[in-house]
Protein backbone atom coordinates (compact mmCIF):
# COMPACT_ATOMS: atom_id res chain seq x y z
CA MET A 1 78.69 197.06 50.55
CA THR A 2 77.51 193.88 51.60
CA ASN A 3 75.72 190.66 50.56
CA GLU A 4 74.70 189.69 54.24
CA PRO A 5 71.03 191.08 53.62
CA ILE A 6 70.84 188.78 50.36
CA LEU A 7 72.17 185.81 52.07
CA SER A 8 70.30 186.17 55.01
CA SER A 9 66.65 186.14 53.09
CA LEU A 10 68.35 183.68 50.78
CA LYS A 11 68.87 181.09 54.06
CA ARG A 12 65.57 182.30 55.02
CA GLU A 13 63.80 180.99 51.85
CA PHE A 14 65.30 178.02 51.51
CA LYS A 15 64.53 177.11 55.38
CA GLY A 16 60.72 177.92 54.46
CA ILE A 17 60.87 175.59 51.45
CA ILE A 18 61.96 172.92 53.62
CA VAL A 19 59.27 173.38 56.14
CA PHE A 20 56.69 173.16 53.39
CA VAL A 21 57.89 170.24 52.11
CA ALA A 22 57.93 169.09 55.33
CA VAL A 23 55.02 169.59 56.35
CA ILE A 24 53.23 168.21 53.56
CA TRP A 25 55.46 164.66 54.39
CA VAL A 26 53.99 164.97 57.76
CA VAL A 27 50.68 165.53 56.90
CA PHE A 28 51.05 162.25 54.83
CA ILE A 29 52.22 160.26 57.87
CA LEU A 30 49.04 161.54 59.88
CA ASP A 31 46.63 160.84 56.82
CA ARG A 32 47.41 157.76 57.07
CA PHE A 33 46.14 157.50 61.20
CA LEU A 34 43.09 160.42 60.52
CA PRO A 35 40.90 161.18 57.93
CA LEU A 36 42.29 163.37 56.12
CA GLU A 37 40.95 163.21 53.09
CA ARG A 38 37.85 164.73 53.71
CA LEU A 39 39.74 167.95 53.30
CA ALA A 40 39.88 166.88 49.46
CA LEU A 41 38.90 169.72 46.89
CA PHE A 42 35.91 168.59 45.84
CA PRO A 43 34.74 170.97 42.64
CA ARG A 44 31.33 172.76 43.29
CA HIS A 45 30.37 171.31 46.51
CA LEU A 46 30.71 173.38 49.60
CA THR A 47 32.40 170.73 51.60
CA GLY A 48 35.32 170.47 49.21
CA LEU A 49 35.81 174.51 49.43
CA PRO A 50 38.28 173.79 51.95
CA GLY A 51 40.52 171.19 49.30
CA VAL A 52 41.25 174.48 47.75
CA VAL A 53 43.58 175.20 50.56
CA PHE A 54 44.27 171.71 51.89
CA SER A 55 44.38 169.80 49.11
CA PRO A 56 48.28 170.42 47.99
CA PHE A 57 48.99 169.13 51.22
CA LEU A 58 47.15 165.96 50.46
CA HIS A 59 48.76 162.54 48.58
CA LYS A 60 47.41 159.39 48.06
CA ASP A 61 50.75 156.92 48.41
CA LEU A 62 54.30 157.33 48.63
CA SER A 63 54.77 157.46 44.81
CA HIS A 64 52.20 160.21 44.37
CA ILE A 65 54.39 162.37 47.76
CA PHE A 66 57.53 161.24 45.86
CA SER A 67 56.79 162.45 42.69
CA ASN A 68 55.76 166.11 44.15
CA THR A 69 58.49 166.56 46.15
CA VAL A 70 61.56 166.64 44.33
CA PRO A 71 59.64 169.21 41.29
CA LEU A 72 58.42 170.89 44.23
CA LEU A 73 62.10 171.42 45.80
CA THR A 74 63.74 172.36 42.22
CA LEU A 75 61.07 174.86 41.70
CA LEU A 76 60.68 176.40 45.13
CA GLY A 77 64.24 176.73 45.11
CA LEU A 78 64.17 178.65 41.38
CA LEU A 79 61.09 180.75 42.93
CA ALA A 80 63.07 181.76 46.18
CA GLY A 81 66.43 182.27 44.10
CA SER A 82 64.91 184.68 41.17
CA ARG A 83 62.59 186.81 43.41
CA ALA A 84 61.64 188.37 46.99
CA ASN A 85 58.43 187.11 48.97
CA SER A 86 58.05 184.26 47.48
CA ALA A 87 56.09 182.73 50.32
CA LYS A 88 53.06 185.27 49.28
CA THR A 89 53.51 183.88 45.36
CA VAL A 90 52.98 180.24 46.87
CA VAL A 91 50.04 181.15 48.82
CA ILE A 92 48.35 183.30 45.66
CA LEU A 93 49.29 179.95 43.50
CA ILE A 94 47.59 177.61 46.04
CA LEU A 95 44.45 180.22 46.38
CA GLY A 96 44.27 180.57 42.53
CA SER A 97 44.55 177.16 41.32
CA GLY A 98 42.37 175.82 43.72
CA LEU A 99 39.85 178.26 43.22
CA LEU A 100 39.82 177.75 39.54
CA LEU A 101 39.78 174.33 40.40
CA TRP A 102 36.72 174.49 42.13
CA LEU A 103 34.83 176.50 39.89
CA PHE A 104 35.90 174.70 36.42
CA GLY A 105 37.03 171.63 37.68
CA ARG A 106 35.74 167.78 37.04
CA SER A 107 33.38 166.45 39.79
CA VAL A 108 36.04 164.41 41.14
CA PRO A 109 37.51 165.25 44.48
CA VAL A 110 41.40 166.07 43.76
CA ILE A 111 44.30 165.66 46.11
CA GLY A 112 47.88 166.40 46.25
CA ALA A 113 50.62 169.23 45.45
CA SER A 114 50.33 168.51 41.57
CA GLY A 115 48.28 171.48 40.84
CA LEU A 116 51.12 173.96 42.63
CA VAL A 117 53.65 172.20 40.58
CA PHE A 118 52.03 173.55 37.49
CA ALA A 119 51.24 176.54 39.14
CA LEU A 120 55.21 177.54 39.58
CA ILE A 121 55.94 176.10 36.22
CA GLY A 122 53.43 178.46 35.02
CA PHE A 123 54.55 181.15 37.00
CA LEU A 124 58.23 180.84 36.48
CA VAL A 125 58.15 180.33 32.78
CA SER A 126 55.76 183.38 32.35
CA SER A 127 57.56 185.89 34.56
CA GLY A 128 60.09 185.68 32.77
CA PHE A 129 58.32 187.19 29.84
CA PHE A 130 56.11 189.58 31.76
CA GLU A 131 58.70 190.75 33.79
CA ARG A 132 61.91 191.34 31.19
CA ARG A 133 64.53 190.79 33.80
CA LEU A 134 67.71 188.44 33.06
CA LEU A 135 67.33 186.29 36.05
CA ALA A 136 63.29 186.08 35.62
CA ILE A 137 63.99 185.37 31.84
CA LEU A 138 66.79 182.86 33.00
CA VAL A 139 65.03 180.63 35.22
CA GLY A 140 62.03 180.87 32.49
CA LEU A 141 63.73 179.02 29.75
CA PHE A 142 65.53 176.32 32.22
CA VAL A 143 62.19 175.80 33.66
CA GLY A 144 60.67 175.45 30.05
CA PHE A 145 63.09 173.12 29.13
CA SER A 146 63.42 171.04 32.26
CA TYR A 147 59.13 171.19 32.62
CA GLY A 148 57.90 172.11 29.55
CA GLY A 149 57.13 168.27 28.28
CA THR A 150 55.75 167.41 31.84
CA LEU A 151 53.51 170.56 30.99
CA PHE A 152 52.26 169.49 28.11
CA PHE A 153 51.38 165.44 29.16
CA GLY A 154 50.18 166.97 32.72
CA ILE A 155 47.38 169.16 30.76
CA LEU A 156 46.21 166.26 28.37
CA PRO A 157 42.71 164.74 29.27
CA GLY A 158 41.87 161.31 29.61
CA GLN A 159 44.66 160.57 31.90
CA SER A 160 43.33 157.74 34.69
CA GLY A 161 43.70 158.89 38.05
CA ILE A 162 45.62 161.90 36.84
CA SER A 163 43.78 165.45 37.90
CA TRP A 164 44.86 166.80 34.48
CA ASP A 165 42.30 169.79 35.27
CA GLY A 166 44.13 170.37 38.15
CA HIS A 167 46.99 170.63 35.97
CA LEU A 168 45.46 173.09 33.82
CA PHE A 169 43.69 175.18 35.79
CA GLY A 170 47.24 175.39 38.10
CA ALA A 171 48.96 176.16 34.64
CA VAL A 172 46.75 178.97 34.13
CA ALA A 173 47.10 180.64 38.07
CA GLY A 174 51.15 180.57 37.58
CA VAL A 175 50.59 182.86 34.08
CA ILE A 176 47.76 185.26 35.69
CA THR A 177 49.52 185.49 39.01
CA ALA A 178 52.43 186.27 37.03
CA TRP A 179 51.25 188.84 34.96
CA VAL A 180 49.60 190.49 37.63
CA LEU A 181 52.40 190.35 39.88
CA ARG A 182 55.15 191.70 37.16
CA ARG A 183 53.58 195.17 38.15
CA GLY A 184 55.13 195.05 41.52
CA ILE A 185 58.39 193.87 40.32
CA ALA A 186 58.38 196.77 37.96
CA GLN A 187 58.17 198.94 40.42
CA ALA A 188 60.58 197.31 43.00
CA ARG A 189 63.09 198.23 40.09
């Protein structure tokens, strides 16, 4: 028996991660010349609804995009290595966290991929609990130990210039997504 299908699948997943993060950087560069910030998520405003999809690709400055790039690469890599069809999971996490923020967030414009980062943290930590697969448990423990402080402090209100509610709804969307997708994992076994 060969591992070729698994290796080609992982290569494809990791190429997808690089492309996804590269798109975020290309949008960041384009945003210096075009008014893309109008695509920010603005809770409960129809004009802010496109931000559910586009806000994770928008960043204020280099510090903002750098602070999301390393966790995205790490968490997306762990996601790709631990389950099939991580692209589908990422789309669900973006839409879920964005919709929760649009429905329940504070009435301020939101940009940045940190909602997705927190969704990935919530998803990876809770997947181990819900799926009860050894790999998912190990990944969840690693993410919990590595990003637990970030998760806890990132959802505390009152931080100037930080979308703590975006972080909170991202984490909630991650847990809900892990719970919903657990059935598909169990059926695939």
